[in-house]
């Protein structure tokens, strides 16, 4: 599991525990399970109203938390397209050849990982054989050349994949991510 996914799951677990505790606390007070917090005792000491800025600060904090939660929810909706199984009908007598789209991009990804300046690469081939779409995510090292990598993918990698899959064209979306990792230097 990658670090962002682990952090995401950890934050969800902590938030879930906090919300369960916040939900169980009023029930515990109501049914007298916490004798230190009696049902007849006030929640806060004193009866004076808080300063005038407190409700505004609480509302601002609530809005910021709500926007952060909405941003997190929107990020959960973005997913890689699902790969498919492509069927090649060679001829009625020879039968049908099936190819998992995920298996078709494995050599392509291995080739990308060999490019200078590429730290990590993944690819997903989605769509049908008539309208294929290639989604590529490349992590570029700190001293890598993103323009050169992108150009090499378009000039060498994608045409080679098109030839292997017997495609005339392949719509390609490349996402470049940058890492703090530097490439190995030979001195």
Protein backbone atom coordinates (compact mmCIF):
# COMPACT_ATOMS: atom_id res chain seq x y z
CA UNK A 1 0.00 0.00 0.00
CA UNK A 2 1.38 3.42 -0.88
CA UNK A 3 1.92 6.19 1.66
CA UNK A 4 -1.00 8.45 0.62
CA UNK A 5 -3.42 5.50 0.83
CA UNK A 6 -2.07 4.50 4.26
CA UNK A 7 -2.33 8.10 5.51
CA UNK A 8 -5.84 8.36 4.08
CA UNK A 9 -6.98 5.17 5.84
CA UNK A 10 -5.32 6.23 9.10
CA UNK A 11 -7.04 9.63 9.04
CA UNK A 12 -10.38 7.99 8.26
CA UNK A 13 -9.93 5.59 11.19
CA UNK A 14 -8.99 8.38 13.62
CA UNK A 15 -11.87 10.57 12.45
CA UNK A 16 -14.25 7.62 12.76
CA UNK A 17 -13.12 6.94 16.33
CA UNK A 18 -13.51 10.61 17.26
CA UNK A 19 -17.01 10.75 15.79
CA UNK A 20 -18.04 7.51 17.54
CA UNK A 21 -16.74 8.89 20.84
CA UNK A 22 -18.54 12.20 20.29
CA UNK A 23 -21.74 10.31 19.50
CA UNK A 24 -21.46 7.93 22.48
CA UNK A 25 -20.65 10.64 25.04
CA UNK A 26 -24.17 12.17 25.21
CA UNK A 27 -25.68 8.68 25.54
CA UNK A 28 -23.23 7.86 28.34
CA UNK A 29 -24.19 11.05 30.16
CA UNK A 30 -27.91 10.49 29.63
CA UNK A 31 -27.89 6.91 30.95
CA UNK A 32 -25.59 7.80 33.89
CA UNK A 33 -22.71 5.59 32.73
CA UNK A 34 -20.27 8.40 33.54
CA UNK A 35 -20.95 9.45 37.13
CA UNK A 36 -18.47 12.36 36.93
CA UNK A 37 -20.64 13.92 34.22
CA UNK A 38 -24.14 13.81 35.63
CA UNK A 39 -27.17 14.52 33.47
CA UNK A 40 -28.13 17.42 35.77
CA UNK A 41 -24.69 19.10 35.69
CA UNK A 42 -23.92 21.98 33.27
CA UNK A 43 -21.61 21.27 30.34
CA UNK A 44 -19.50 24.38 30.86
CA UNK A 45 -18.86 26.26 34.10
CA UNK A 46 -20.63 29.55 34.65
CA UNK A 47 -23.57 31.11 32.89
CA UNK A 48 -21.88 34.05 31.14
CA UNK A 49 -22.05 34.26 27.36
CA UNK A 50 -18.78 33.83 25.46
CA UNK A 51 -17.14 36.84 23.79
CA UNK A 52 -18.78 38.07 20.57
CA UNK A 53 -15.97 36.73 18.35
CA UNK A 54 -16.34 33.10 19.49
CA UNK A 55 -19.40 32.24 17.33
CA UNK A 56 -17.72 33.77 14.26
CA UNK A 57 -14.51 31.84 14.89
CA UNK A 58 -16.48 28.62 15.37
CA UNK A 59 -18.42 29.24 12.14
CA UNK A 60 -15.20 29.97 10.21
CA UNK A 61 -13.58 26.81 11.56
CA UNK A 62 -16.67 24.80 10.60
CA UNK A 63 -16.63 26.19 7.07
CA UNK A 64 -12.93 25.39 6.66
CA UNK A 65 -13.49 21.83 7.91
CA UNK A 66 -16.50 21.39 5.62
CA UNK A 67 -14.54 22.59 2.58
CA UNK A 68 -11.63 20.31 3.48
CA UNK A 69 -14.06 17.41 3.80
CA UNK A 70 -15.62 18.19 0.41
CA UNK A 71 -12.17 18.36 -1.17
CA UNK A 72 -11.31 14.99 0.32
CA UNK A 73 -14.56 13.49 -0.96
CA UNK A 74 -13.92 14.86 -4.45
CA UNK A 75 -10.44 13.30 -4.42
CA UNK A 76 -11.97 9.91 -3.62
CA UNK A 77 -14.02 10.01 -6.82
CA UNK A 78 -11.00 10.24 -9.11
CA UNK A 79 -10.00 6.72 -10.07
CA UNK A 80 -8.06 5.04 -12.79
CA UNK A 81 -10.18 3.77 -15.63
CA UNK A 82 -10.89 0.07 -15.44
CA UNK A 83 -9.01 -2.14 -17.85
CA UNK A 84 -10.91 -4.47 -20.15
CA UNK A 85 -10.45 -7.69 -22.02
CA UNK A 86 -10.03 -7.13 -25.72
CA UNK A 87 -11.25 -9.73 -28.16
CA UNK A 88 -9.58 -10.20 -31.51
CA UNK A 89 -11.76 -12.12 -33.96
CA UNK A 90 -9.16 -13.41 -36.38
CA UNK A 91 -11.50 -15.54 -38.44
CA UNK A 92 -14.54 -17.70 -37.73
CA UNK A 93 -12.50 -20.88 -38.18
CA UNK A 94 -9.53 -19.87 -36.01
CA UNK A 95 -11.55 -18.73 -33.00
CA UNK A 96 -11.10 -15.68 -30.81
CA UNK A 97 -8.02 -14.31 -29.11
CA UNK A 98 -8.50 -12.52 -25.78
CA UNK A 99 -6.00 -10.08 -24.32
CA UNK A 100 -6.26 -8.42 -20.91
CA UNK A 101 -5.59 -4.74 -21.45
CA UNK A 102 -3.56 -4.64 -18.23
CA UNK A 103 -1.24 -7.35 -19.55
CA UNK A 104 -0.78 -5.45 -22.82
CA UNK A 105 0.81 -2.44 -21.10
CA UNK A 106 3.28 -4.35 -18.91
CA UNK A 107 6.11 -4.25 -21.51
CA UNK A 108 5.29 -0.58 -22.18
CA UNK A 109 5.61 0.27 -18.48
CA UNK A 110 8.85 -1.73 -18.22
CA UNK A 111 10.21 0.31 -21.12
CA UNK A 112 9.18 3.59 -19.45
CA UNK A 113 10.90 2.62 -16.20
CA UNK A 114 14.13 2.23 -18.17
CA UNK A 115 14.08 5.81 -19.46
CA UNK A 116 16.66 8.10 -17.82
CA UNK A 117 15.08 10.32 -15.17
CA UNK A 118 12.02 8.09 -14.62
CA UNK A 119 11.63 7.01 -11.01
CA UNK A 120 8.36 5.07 -11.38
CA UNK A 121 5.71 4.57 -14.05
CA UNK A 122 2.25 3.03 -14.33
CA UNK A 123 -0.16 2.77 -17.24
CA UNK A 124 -3.75 1.72 -17.81
CA UNK A 125 -5.24 0.81 -21.15
CA UNK A 126 -8.97 1.50 -21.08
CA UNK A 127 -11.78 1.73 -23.57
CA UNK A 128 -12.61 -0.63 -26.37
CA UNK A 129 -10.33 -1.81 -29.14
CA UNK A 130 -12.12 0.60 -31.48
CA UNK A 131 -11.61 3.59 -29.11
CA UNK A 132 -8.67 2.84 -26.80
CA UNK A 133 -7.34 5.29 -24.23
CA UNK A 134 -3.94 5.02 -22.57
CA UNK A 135 -3.51 6.64 -19.14
CA UNK A 136 0.15 7.01 -18.13
CA UNK A 137 1.48 8.27 -14.77
CA UNK A 138 5.23 8.89 -14.63
CA UNK A 139 7.19 9.92 -11.53
CA UNK A 140 10.13 12.00 -12.71
CA UNK A 141 13.30 12.18 -10.64
CA UNK A 142 14.50 15.54 -9.40
CA UNK A 143 17.18 15.80 -12.06
CA UNK A 144 15.03 14.21 -14.80
CA UNK A 145 13.99 15.98 -18.01
CA UNK A 146 10.16 15.96 -18.13
CA UNK A 147 10.05 17.39 -21.66
CA UNK A 148 12.46 14.76 -22.92
CA UNK A 149 10.59 11.96 -21.16
CA UNK A 150 7.26 13.11 -22.55
CA UNK A 151 8.72 13.43 -26.04
CA UNK A 152 10.27 9.97 -25.86
CA UNK A 153 6.98 8.45 -24.72
CA UNK A 154 5.17 9.99 -27.72
CA UNK A 155 7.99 9.25 -30.19
CA UNK A 156 9.01 5.74 -29.10
CA UNK A 157 6.82 4.15 -26.44
CA UNK A 158 3.31 4.82 -27.74
CA UNK A 159 4.09 3.96 -31.41
CA UNK A 160 5.69 0.68 -30.27
CA UNK A 161 2.60 -0.13 -28.19
CA UNK A 162 0.33 0.75 -31.15
CA UNK A 163 2.34 -1.59 -33.35
CA UNK A 164 2.17 -4.40 -30.79
CA UNK A 165 -1.61 -4.01 -30.44
CA UNK A 166 -2.16 -3.44 -34.18
CA UNK A 167 -3.75 -0.03 -33.61
CA UNK A 168 -3.72 2.92 -35.98
CA UNK A 169 -3.86 5.50 -33.17
CA UNK A 170 -3.99 5.56 -29.40
CA UNK A 171 -5.32 8.50 -27.39
CA UNK A 172 -2.78 9.05 -24.62
CA UNK A 173 -2.98 11.07 -21.42
CA UNK A 174 0.33 11.52 -19.61
CA UNK A 175 0.54 12.76 -16.03
CA UNK A 176 3.98 13.73 -14.80
CA UNK A 177 4.66 13.72 -11.09
CA UNK A 178 7.88 14.92 -9.56
CA UNK A 179 9.79 13.21 -6.77
CA UNK A 180 12.62 14.41 -4.58
CA UNK A 181 14.62 11.34 -5.57
CA UNK A 182 17.70 12.00 -7.63
CA UNK A 183 18.98 9.60 -10.25
CA UNK A 184 22.03 7.44 -9.73
CA UNK A 185 25.19 9.20 -10.80
CA UNK A 186 28.17 7.44 -12.28
CA UNK A 187 31.38 9.23 -11.43
